[in-house]
């Protein structure tokens, strides 16, 4: 039987892929970015936006925060 979840939904959800400790390193950065993004894009988000974008180019994040995100994304876990 072929797994069609990705084809149907466009993403995979893998429970417990990351530990709470791993997530706690990036969650504050992501929350900070999303908060700033919503302030700048409230109308777009409420009318048709489905998610925030521009994470790695965000002016509200420091170079260190962006590096932390890249390390997380590039980890062997994925």
N, C-alpha and C. Protein backbone atom coordinates (compact mmCIF):
# COMPACT_ATOMS: atom_id res chain seq x y z
N UNK A 1 0.83 -1.17 0.00
CA UNK A 1 0.00 0.00 0.00
C UNK A 1 0.88 1.24 0.00
N UNK A 2 0.67 2.14 -0.93
CA UNK A 2 1.46 3.35 -1.08
C UNK A 2 0.95 4.44 -0.13
N UNK A 3 1.90 5.14 0.52
CA UNK A 3 1.55 6.24 1.40
C UNK A 3 1.28 7.47 0.54
N UNK A 4 0.06 7.96 0.56
CA UNK A 4 -0.33 9.10 -0.28
C UNK A 4 -0.54 10.38 0.53
N UNK A 5 -0.16 10.37 1.80
CA UNK A 5 -0.41 11.53 2.66
C UNK A 5 0.21 12.80 2.09
N UNK A 6 1.48 12.74 1.67
CA UNK A 6 2.14 13.93 1.14
C UNK A 6 1.44 14.42 -0.13
N UNK A 7 1.11 13.52 -1.00
CA UNK A 7 0.43 13.90 -2.25
C UNK A 7 -0.92 14.57 -1.97
N UNK A 8 -1.59 14.11 -0.93
CA UNK A 8 -2.91 14.65 -0.60
C UNK A 8 -2.86 15.96 0.19
N UNK A 9 -1.84 16.11 1.06
CA UNK A 9 -1.82 17.23 1.99
C UNK A 9 -0.66 18.20 1.77
N UNK A 10 0.39 17.76 1.10
CA UNK A 10 1.53 18.64 0.82
C UNK A 10 2.57 18.71 1.91
N UNK A 11 2.46 17.88 2.91
CA UNK A 11 3.46 17.86 3.98
C UNK A 11 3.42 16.50 4.69
N UNK A 12 4.46 16.23 5.46
CA UNK A 12 4.49 15.06 6.33
C UNK A 12 4.49 15.55 7.77
N UNK A 13 3.86 14.83 8.64
CA UNK A 13 3.91 15.10 10.06
C UNK A 13 4.49 13.86 10.73
N UNK A 14 5.67 14.02 11.29
CA UNK A 14 6.34 12.91 11.94
C UNK A 14 6.39 13.21 13.43
N UNK A 15 5.56 12.53 14.20
CA UNK A 15 5.51 12.76 15.64
C UNK A 15 6.84 12.41 16.28
N UNK A 16 7.27 13.25 17.22
CA UNK A 16 8.47 13.05 18.03
C UNK A 16 9.75 13.05 17.20
N UNK A 17 9.74 13.70 16.05
CA UNK A 17 10.96 13.79 15.24
C UNK A 17 12.01 14.59 15.99
N UNK A 18 11.58 15.63 16.70
CA UNK A 18 12.48 16.47 17.49
C UNK A 18 12.11 16.39 18.96
N UNK A 19 13.10 16.52 19.81
CA UNK A 19 12.85 16.57 21.24
C UNK A 19 12.43 17.98 21.62
N UNK A 20 11.84 18.11 22.78
CA UNK A 20 11.46 19.43 23.28
C UNK A 20 12.69 20.32 23.44
N UNK A 21 13.79 19.74 23.82
CA UNK A 21 15.04 20.50 23.96
C UNK A 21 15.49 21.06 22.62
N UNK A 22 15.41 20.26 21.56
CA UNK A 22 15.78 20.74 20.23
C UNK A 22 14.85 21.85 19.76
N UNK A 23 13.57 21.67 19.98
CA UNK A 23 12.59 22.67 19.56
C UNK A 23 12.71 23.97 20.35
N UNK A 24 13.11 23.86 21.62
CA UNK A 24 13.21 25.06 22.46
C UNK A 24 14.30 26.01 21.97
N UNK A 25 15.23 25.52 21.17
CA UNK A 25 16.29 26.38 20.62
C UNK A 25 15.78 27.26 19.49
N UNK A 26 14.78 26.80 18.74
CA UNK A 26 14.30 27.57 17.59
C UNK A 26 12.93 28.21 17.81
N UNK A 27 12.16 27.70 18.74
CA UNK A 27 10.80 28.22 18.95
C UNK A 27 10.78 29.72 19.23
N UNK A 28 11.64 30.25 20.13
CA UNK A 28 11.60 31.70 20.38
C UNK A 28 11.96 32.52 19.14
N UNK A 29 12.84 32.02 18.31
CA UNK A 29 13.22 32.70 17.08
C UNK A 29 12.05 32.71 16.11
N UNK A 30 11.41 31.57 15.96
CA UNK A 30 10.26 31.47 15.05
C UNK A 30 9.09 32.33 15.54
N UNK A 31 8.86 32.33 16.85
CA UNK A 31 7.78 33.16 17.41
C UNK A 31 8.07 34.64 17.18
N UNK A 32 9.32 35.06 17.38
CA UNK A 32 9.72 36.44 17.16
C UNK A 32 9.47 36.83 15.70
N UNK A 33 9.93 36.00 14.78
CA UNK A 33 9.74 36.27 13.37
C UNK A 33 8.26 36.38 13.02
N UNK A 34 7.48 35.40 13.46
CA UNK A 34 6.06 35.36 13.10
C UNK A 34 5.32 36.58 13.66
N UNK A 35 5.65 36.98 14.87
CA UNK A 35 5.03 38.16 15.47
C UNK A 35 5.31 39.40 14.61
N UNK A 36 6.56 39.60 14.22
CA UNK A 36 6.91 40.74 13.37
C UNK A 36 6.25 40.63 12.00
N UNK A 37 6.23 39.44 11.45
CA UNK A 37 5.62 39.25 10.13
C UNK A 37 4.14 39.61 10.17
N UNK A 38 3.44 39.16 11.21
CA UNK A 38 2.01 39.45 11.34
C UNK A 38 1.76 40.96 11.45
N UNK A 39 2.61 41.66 12.18
CA UNK A 39 2.45 43.11 12.31
C UNK A 39 2.54 43.79 10.95
N UNK A 40 3.45 43.32 10.10
CA UNK A 40 3.66 43.94 8.80
C UNK A 40 2.70 43.44 7.73
N UNK A 41 2.06 42.30 7.95
CA UNK A 41 1.24 41.67 6.90
C UNK A 41 -0.15 41.28 7.37
N UNK A 42 -0.69 41.97 8.37
CA UNK A 42 -1.97 41.60 8.96
C UNK A 42 -3.09 41.51 7.92
N UNK A 43 -3.20 42.53 7.05
CA UNK A 43 -4.26 42.52 6.05
C UNK A 43 -4.14 41.36 5.09
N UNK A 44 -2.94 41.12 4.60
CA UNK A 44 -2.70 40.00 3.69
C UNK A 44 -3.01 38.68 4.36
N UNK A 45 -2.55 38.52 5.59
CA UNK A 45 -2.75 37.27 6.30
C UNK A 45 -4.24 36.99 6.52
N UNK A 46 -5.01 38.01 6.86
CA UNK A 46 -6.44 37.81 7.12
C UNK A 46 -7.24 37.62 5.84
N UNK A 47 -6.75 38.18 4.73
CA UNK A 47 -7.53 38.06 3.50
C UNK A 47 -7.21 36.83 2.68
N UNK A 48 -5.93 36.47 2.57
CA UNK A 48 -5.61 35.33 1.71
C UNK A 48 -4.31 34.61 2.06
N UNK A 49 -3.52 35.15 2.96
CA UNK A 49 -2.24 34.52 3.30
C UNK A 49 -2.45 33.22 4.04
N UNK A 50 -1.66 32.24 3.71
CA UNK A 50 -1.79 30.95 4.40
C UNK A 50 -0.66 30.72 5.39
N UNK A 51 0.45 31.45 5.22
CA UNK A 51 1.54 31.34 6.18
C UNK A 51 2.48 32.52 6.01
N UNK A 52 3.39 32.67 6.94
CA UNK A 52 4.38 33.74 6.85
C UNK A 52 5.50 33.29 5.92
N UNK A 53 6.20 34.27 5.35
CA UNK A 53 7.28 33.94 4.42
C UNK A 53 8.45 34.89 4.64
N UNK A 54 9.60 34.54 4.10
CA UNK A 54 10.78 35.39 4.19
C UNK A 54 11.58 35.16 5.45
N UNK A 55 11.46 34.02 6.04
CA UNK A 55 12.11 33.71 7.32
C UNK A 55 13.60 33.99 7.31
N UNK A 56 14.30 33.50 6.34
CA UNK A 56 15.77 33.62 6.36
C UNK A 56 16.27 34.99 5.95
N UNK A 57 15.39 35.82 5.40
CA UNK A 57 15.80 37.17 5.02
C UNK A 57 15.24 38.22 5.95
N UNK A 58 14.62 37.81 7.03
CA UNK A 58 13.93 38.73 7.93
C UNK A 58 14.89 39.70 8.61
N UNK A 59 14.56 40.98 8.49
CA UNK A 59 15.38 42.02 9.12
C UNK A 59 15.27 41.99 10.64
N UNK A 60 14.19 41.42 11.17
CA UNK A 60 13.99 41.39 12.62
C UNK A 60 14.84 40.34 13.32
N UNK A 61 15.47 39.45 12.56
CA UNK A 61 16.30 38.41 13.16
C UNK A 61 17.78 38.76 13.03
N UNK A 62 18.53 38.44 14.07
CA UNK A 62 19.97 38.67 14.04
C UNK A 62 20.65 37.61 13.19
N UNK A 63 21.89 37.86 12.86
CA UNK A 63 22.68 36.88 12.11
C UNK A 63 22.77 35.58 12.89
N UNK A 64 22.94 35.67 14.21
CA UNK A 64 23.04 34.49 15.06
C UNK A 64 21.75 33.68 15.05
N UNK A 65 20.61 34.38 15.08
CA UNK A 65 19.32 33.68 15.05
C UNK A 65 19.12 32.97 13.72
N UNK A 66 19.49 33.63 12.63
CA UNK A 66 19.37 33.00 11.31
C UNK A 66 20.28 31.79 11.22
N UNK A 67 21.48 31.90 11.76
CA UNK A 67 22.41 30.77 11.76
C UNK A 67 21.84 29.60 12.54
N UNK A 68 21.23 29.88 13.67
CA UNK A 68 20.59 28.83 14.48
C UNK A 68 19.51 28.11 13.67
N UNK A 69 18.71 28.88 12.94
CA UNK A 69 17.67 28.27 12.10
C UNK A 69 18.27 27.41 11.00
N UNK A 70 19.32 27.91 10.34
CA UNK A 70 19.97 27.13 9.29
C UNK A 70 20.57 25.84 9.85
N UNK A 71 21.16 25.91 11.03
CA UNK A 71 21.69 24.69 11.66
C UNK A 71 20.57 23.69 11.90
N UNK A 72 19.44 24.15 12.36
CA UNK A 72 18.30 23.29 12.64
C UNK A 72 17.78 22.64 11.36
N UNK A 73 17.64 23.46 10.31
CA UNK A 73 17.12 22.97 9.04
C UNK A 73 18.08 21.98 8.40
N UNK A 74 19.37 22.21 8.56
CA UNK A 74 20.38 21.37 7.90
C UNK A 74 20.77 20.14 8.71
N UNK A 75 20.20 19.97 9.87
CA UNK A 75 20.56 18.84 10.72
C UNK A 75 20.24 17.51 10.04
N UNK A 76 20.97 16.50 10.42
CA UNK A 76 20.76 15.16 9.84
C UNK A 76 19.38 14.60 10.16
N UNK A 77 18.68 15.15 11.15
CA UNK A 77 17.36 14.67 11.53
C UNK A 77 16.42 14.67 10.33
N UNK A 78 16.50 15.74 9.52
CA UNK A 78 15.64 15.78 8.35
C UNK A 78 16.18 14.89 7.26
